[in-house]
Amino acid sequence: MSAPYTQRIGKRLRLKFLSRMRDPSILRDPDGMFHPVWTVSWTDHAIGVAHSGDLIH
């Protein structure tokens, strides 16, 4: 049970996007929502994205 977005650490699987947060940037839209974006690796062709009204939840 391994997918491209996971990595094995011993007997456990760990999500790759939880392992790194590089080059973070936070955008705020006109409605006040925050949208943090970041790169996840030097070699993976992926980014991380989140959405929050208060940057806590």
PDB file of N, CA and C in Angstrom:
ATOM      1  N   MET A   1       0.838  -1.182   0.000  1.00  0.00           N
ATOM      2  CA  MET A   1       0.000   0.000   0.000  1.00  0.00           C
ATOM      3  C   MET A   1       0.883   1.246   0.000  1.00  0.00           C
ATOM      4  N   SER A   2       1.439   1.551  -1.116  1.00  0.00           N
ATOM      5  CA  SER A   2       2.265   2.734  -1.225  1.00  0.00           C
ATOM      6  C   SER A   2       1.809   3.535  -2.441  1.00  0.00           C
ATOM      7  N   ALA A   3       1.674   4.809  -2.271  1.00  0.00           N
ATOM      8  CA  ALA A   3       1.267   5.689  -3.357  1.00  0.00           C
ATOM      9  C   ALA A   3       2.395   6.682  -3.612  1.00  0.00           C
ATOM     10  N   PRO A   4       2.366   7.371  -4.729  1.00  0.00           N
ATOM     11  CA  PRO A   4       3.437   8.330  -5.019  1.00  0.00           C
ATOM     12  C   PRO A   4       3.584   9.425  -3.964  1.00  0.00           C
ATOM     13  N   TYR A   5       2.533   9.688  -3.222  1.00  0.00           N
ATOM     14  CA  TYR A   5       2.589  10.759  -2.226  1.00  0.00           C
ATOM     15  C   TYR A   5       2.909  10.250  -0.820  1.00  0.00           C
ATOM     16  N   THR A   6       3.353   9.003  -0.708  1.00  0.00           N
ATOM     17  CA  THR A   6       3.740   8.462   0.595  1.00  0.00           C
ATOM     18  C   THR A   6       5.166   7.949   0.539  1.00  0.00           C
ATOM     19  N   GLN A   7       5.783   7.815   1.703  1.00  0.00           N
ATOM     20  CA  GLN A   7       7.103   7.202   1.786  1.00  0.00           C
ATOM     21  C   GLN A   7       7.117   6.253   2.975  1.00  0.00           C
ATOM     22  N   ARG A   8       7.878   5.181   2.856  1.00  0.00           N
ATOM     23  CA  ARG A   8       7.982   4.208   3.945  1.00  0.00           C
ATOM     24  C   ARG A   8       9.076   4.625   4.908  1.00  0.00           C
ATOM     25  N   ILE A   9       8.767   4.573   6.188  1.00  0.00           N
ATOM     26  CA  ILE A   9       9.749   4.797   7.249  1.00  0.00           C
ATOM     27  C   ILE A   9       9.613   3.597   8.173  1.00  0.00           C
ATOM     28  N   GLY A  10      10.486   2.632   7.994  1.00  0.00           N
ATOM     29  CA  GLY A  10      10.343   1.376   8.724  1.00  0.00           C
ATOM     30  C   GLY A  10       9.052   0.704   8.294  1.00  0.00           C
ATOM     31  N   LYS A  11       8.179   0.400   9.245  1.00  0.00           N
ATOM     32  CA  LYS A  11       6.902  -0.234   8.935  1.00  0.00           C
ATOM     33  C   LYS A  11       5.774   0.777   8.778  1.00  0.00           C
ATOM     34  N   ARG A  12       6.083   2.058   8.947  1.00  0.00           N
ATOM     35  CA  ARG A  12       5.043   3.092   8.877  1.00  0.00           C
ATOM     36  C   ARG A  12       5.059   3.801   7.530  1.00  0.00           C
ATOM     37  N   LEU A  13       3.914   4.269   7.131  1.00  0.00           N
ATOM     38  CA  LEU A  13       3.812   5.121   5.952  1.00  0.00           C
ATOM     39  C   LEU A  13       3.688   6.559   6.420  1.00  0.00           C
ATOM     40  N   ARG A  14       4.350   7.452   5.741  1.00  0.00           N
ATOM     41  CA  ARG A  14       4.276   8.863   6.090  1.00  0.00           C
ATOM     42  C   ARG A  14       3.959   9.651   4.824  1.00  0.00           C
ATOM     43  N   LEU A  15       3.056  10.598   4.930  1.00  0.00           N
ATOM     44  CA  LEU A  15       2.717  11.413   3.778  1.00  0.00           C
ATOM     45  C   LEU A  15       3.888  12.335   3.451  1.00  0.00           C
ATOM     46  N   LYS A  16       4.306  12.348   2.204  1.00  0.00           N
ATOM     47  CA  LYS A  16       5.436  13.177   1.806  1.00  0.00           C
ATOM     48  C   LYS A  16       5.156  14.655   2.017  1.00  0.00           C
ATOM     49  N   PHE A  17       3.915  15.081   1.735  1.00  0.00           N
ATOM     50  CA  PHE A  17       3.663  16.515   1.840  1.00  0.00           C
ATOM     51  C   PHE A  17       3.699  17.007   3.276  1.00  0.00           C
ATOM     52  N   LEU A  18       3.680  16.109   4.259  1.00  0.00           N
ATOM     53  CA  LEU A  18       3.809  16.513   5.651  1.00  0.00           C
ATOM     54  C   LEU A  18       5.272  16.586   6.077  1.00  0.00           C
ATOM     55  N   SER A  19       6.175  16.088   5.239  1.00  0.00           N
ATOM     56  CA  SER A  19       7.569  16.020   5.643  1.00  0.00           C
ATOM     57  C   SER A  19       8.364  17.292   5.358  1.00  0.00           C
ATOM     58  N   ARG A  20       7.881  18.137   4.451  1.00  0.00           N
ATOM     59  CA  ARG A  20       8.627  19.349   4.114  1.00  0.00           C
ATOM     60  C   ARG A  20       7.677  20.492   3.807  1.00  0.00           C
ATOM     61  N   MET A  21       8.106  21.681   4.185  1.00  0.00           N
ATOM     62  CA  MET A  21       7.404  22.889   3.758  1.00  0.00           C
ATOM     63  C   MET A  21       8.493  23.883   3.370  1.00  0.00           C
ATOM     64  N   ARG A  22       8.676  24.047   2.073  1.00  0.00           N
ATOM     65  CA  ARG A  22       9.719  24.930   1.566  1.00  0.00           C
ATOM     66  C   ARG A  22       9.086  26.115   0.857  1.00  0.00           C
ATOM     67  N   ASP A  23       9.744  27.248   0.901  1.00  0.00           N
ATOM     68  CA  ASP A  23       9.328  28.443   0.177  1.00  0.00           C
ATOM     69  C   ASP A  23       7.870  28.830   0.439  1.00  0.00           C
ATOM     70  N   PRO A  24       7.443  28.908   1.706  1.00  0.00           N
ATOM     71  CA  PRO A  24       6.036  29.216   1.972  1.00  0.00           C
ATOM     72  C   PRO A  24       5.671  30.647   1.578  1.00  0.00           C
ATOM     73  N   SER A  25       4.433  30.795   1.177  1.00  0.00           N
ATOM     74  CA  SER A  25       3.883  32.098   0.839  1.00  0.00           C
ATOM     75  C   SER A  25       2.409  32.087   1.229  1.00  0.00           C
ATOM     76  N   ILE A  26       1.899  33.202   1.731  1.00  0.00           N
ATOM     77  CA  ILE A  26       0.492  33.287   2.117  1.00  0.00           C
ATOM     78  C   ILE A  26      -0.175  34.388   1.311  1.00  0.00           C
ATOM     79  N   LEU A  27      -1.248  34.023   0.647  1.00  0.00           N
ATOM     80  CA  LEU A  27      -2.040  34.974  -0.110  1.00  0.00           C
ATOM     81  C   LEU A  27      -3.356  35.203   0.626  1.00  0.00           C
ATOM     82  N   ARG A  28      -3.901  36.398   0.519  1.00  0.00           N
ATOM     83  CA  ARG A  28      -5.191  36.692   1.135  1.00  0.00           C
ATOM     84  C   ARG A  28      -6.121  37.215   0.042  1.00  0.00           C
ATOM     85  N   ASP A  29      -7.291  36.580  -0.102  1.00  0.00           N
ATOM     86  CA  ASP A  29      -8.213  36.997  -1.152  1.00  0.00           C
ATOM     87  C   ASP A  29      -9.092  38.159  -0.675  1.00  0.00           C
ATOM     88  N   PRO A  30      -9.849  38.771  -1.558  1.00  0.00           N
ATOM     89  CA  PRO A  30     -10.679  39.921  -1.188  1.00  0.00           C
ATOM     90  C   PRO A  30     -11.726  39.616  -0.111  1.00  0.00           C
ATOM     91  N   ASP A  31     -12.109  38.338   0.030  1.00  0.00           N
ATOM     92  CA  ASP A  31     -13.083  37.955   1.053  1.00  0.00           C
ATOM     93  C   ASP A  31     -12.448  37.726   2.416  1.00  0.00           C
ATOM     94  N   GLY A  32     -11.130  37.856   2.523  1.00  0.00           N
ATOM     95  CA  GLY A  32     -10.442  37.687   3.800  1.00  0.00           C
ATOM     96  C   GLY A  32      -9.910  36.290   4.055  1.00  0.00           C
ATOM     97  N   MET A  33     -10.109  35.351   3.136  1.00  0.00           N
ATOM     98  CA  MET A  33      -9.580  33.991   3.304  1.00  0.00           C
ATOM     99  C   MET A  33      -8.083  33.986   3.016  1.00  0.00           C
ATOM    100  N   PHE A  34      -7.332  33.220   3.829  1.00  0.00           N
ATOM    101  CA  PHE A  34      -5.901  33.042   3.630  1.00  0.00           C
ATOM    102  C   PHE A  34      -5.671  31.763   2.838  1.00  0.00           C
ATOM    103  N   HIS A  35      -4.671  31.800   1.953  1.00  0.00           N
ATOM    104  CA  HIS A  35      -4.344  30.647   1.118  1.00  0.00           C
ATOM    105  C   HIS A  35      -2.830  30.432   1.144  1.00  0.00           C
ATOM    106  N   PRO A  36      -2.308  29.703   2.137  1.00  0.00           N
ATOM    107  CA  PRO A  36      -0.882  29.385   2.151  1.00  0.00           C
ATOM    108  C   PRO A  36      -0.547  28.390   1.036  1.00  0.00           C
ATOM    109  N   VAL A  37       0.563  28.613   0.358  1.00  0.00           N
ATOM    110  CA  VAL A  37       1.074  27.694  -0.659  1.00  0.00           C
ATOM    111  C   VAL A  37       2.560  27.479  -0.400  1.00  0.00           C
ATOM    112  N   TRP A  38       3.087  26.305  -0.748  1.00  0.00           N
ATOM    113  CA  TRP A  38       4.494  25.998  -0.529  1.00  0.00           C
ATOM    114  C   TRP A  38       4.932  24.870  -1.448  1.00  0.00           C
ATOM    115  N   THR A  39       6.216  24.764  -1.660  1.00  0.00           N
ATOM    116  CA  THR A  39       6.757  23.626  -2.390  1.00  0.00           C
ATOM    117  C   THR A  39       7.042  22.514  -1.382  1.00  0.00           C
ATOM    118  N   VAL A  40       7.020  21.274  -1.846  1.00  0.00           N
ATOM    119  CA  VAL A  40       7.151  20.144  -0.930  1.00  0.00           C
ATOM    120  C   VAL A  40       8.454  19.375  -1.072  1.00  0.00           C
ATOM    121  N   SER A  41       9.229  19.667  -2.102  1.00  0.00           N
ATOM    122  CA  SER A  41      10.441  18.879  -2.327  1.00  0.00           C
ATOM    123  C   SER A  41      11.316  19.561  -3.371  1.00  0.00           C
ATOM    124  N   TRP A  42      12.585  19.163  -3.413  1.00  0.00           N
ATOM    125  CA  TRP A  42      13.474  19.635  -4.472  1.00  0.00           C
ATOM    126  C   TRP A  42      13.162  18.943  -5.791  1.00  0.00           C
ATOM    127  N   THR A  43      12.641  17.714  -5.738  1.00  0.00           N
ATOM    128  CA  THR A  43      12.489  16.922  -6.951  1.00  0.00           C
ATOM    129  C   THR A  43      11.044  16.618  -7.329  1.00  0.00           C
ATOM    130  N   ASP A  44      10.109  16.583  -6.391  1.00  0.00           N
ATOM    131  CA  ASP A  44       8.715  16.280  -6.722  1.00  0.00           C
ATOM    132  C   ASP A  44       8.086  17.464  -7.448  1.00  0.00           C
ATOM    133  N   HIS A  45       7.222  17.175  -8.371  1.00  0.00           N
ATOM    134  CA  HIS A  45       6.510  18.214  -9.110  1.00  0.00           C
ATOM    135  C   HIS A  45       5.167  18.432  -8.424  1.00  0.00           C
ATOM    136  N   ALA A  46       5.207  19.025  -7.236  1.00  0.00           N
ATOM    137  CA  ALA A  46       3.984  19.212  -6.454  1.00  0.00           C
ATOM    138  C   ALA A  46       4.118  20.433  -5.560  1.00  0.00           C
ATOM    139  N   ILE A  47       2.981  20.947  -5.142  1.00  0.00           N
ATOM    140  CA  ILE A  47       2.938  22.050  -4.184  1.00  0.00           C
ATOM    141  C   ILE A  47       1.933  21.690  -3.099  1.00  0.00           C
ATOM    142  N   GLY A  48       2.053  22.333  -1.963  1.00  0.00           N
ATOM    143  CA  GLY A  48       1.060  22.202  -0.905  1.00  0.00           C
ATOM    144  C   GLY A  48       0.194  23.447  -0.899  1.00  0.00           C
ATOM    145  N   VAL A  49      -1.084  23.268  -0.611  1.00  0.00           N
ATOM    146  CA  VAL A  49      -2.040  24.376  -0.574  1.00  0.00           C
ATOM    147  C   VAL A  49      -2.973  24.165   0.612  1.00  0.00           C
ATOM    148  N   ALA A  50      -3.318  25.247   1.297  1.00  0.00           N
ATOM    149  CA  ALA A  50      -4.283  25.186   2.379  1.00  0.00           C
ATOM    150  C   ALA A  50      -5.199  26.398   2.276  1.00  0.00           C
ATOM    151  N   HIS A  51      -6.305  26.362   2.999  1.00  0.00           N
ATOM    152  CA  HIS A  51      -7.255  27.480   3.018  1.00  0.00           C
ATOM    153  C   HIS A  51      -7.721  27.673   4.441  1.00  0.00           C
ATOM    154  N   SER A  52      -7.752  28.934   4.900  1.00  0.00           N
ATOM    155  CA  SER A  52      -8.126  29.197   6.284  1.00  0.00           C
ATOM    156  C   SER A  52      -8.703  30.607   6.404  1.00  0.00           C
ATOM    157  N   GLY A  53      -9.683  30.744   7.271  1.00  0.00           N
ATOM    158  CA  GLY A  53     -10.251  32.048   7.541  1.00  0.00           C
ATOM    159  C   GLY A  53      -9.487  32.813   8.598  1.00  0.00           C
ATOM    160  N   ASP A  54      -8.711  32.072   9.439  1.00  0.00           N
ATOM    161  CA  ASP A  54      -8.005  32.729  10.538  1.00  0.00           C
ATOM    162  C   ASP A  54      -6.569  32.244  10.743  1.00  0.00           C
ATOM    163  N   LEU A  55      -6.049  31.418   9.858  1.00  0.00           N
ATOM    164  CA  LEU A  55      -4.704  30.837   9.930  1.00  0.00           C
ATOM    165  C   LEU A  55      -4.486  29.941  11.144  1.00  0.00           C
ATOM    166  N   ILE A  56      -5.552  29.566  11.820  1.00  0.00           N
ATOM    167  CA  ILE A  56      -5.461  28.640  12.950  1.00  0.00           C
ATOM    168  C   ILE A  56      -6.228  27.356  12.640  1.00  0.00           C
ATOM    169  N   HIS A  57      -7.402  27.455  12.080  1.00  0.00           N
ATOM    170  CA  HIS A  57      -8.267  26.298  11.803  1.00  0.00           C
ATOM    171  C   HIS A  57      -8.352  26.039  10.326  1.00  0.00           C
TER     172      HIS A  57
END
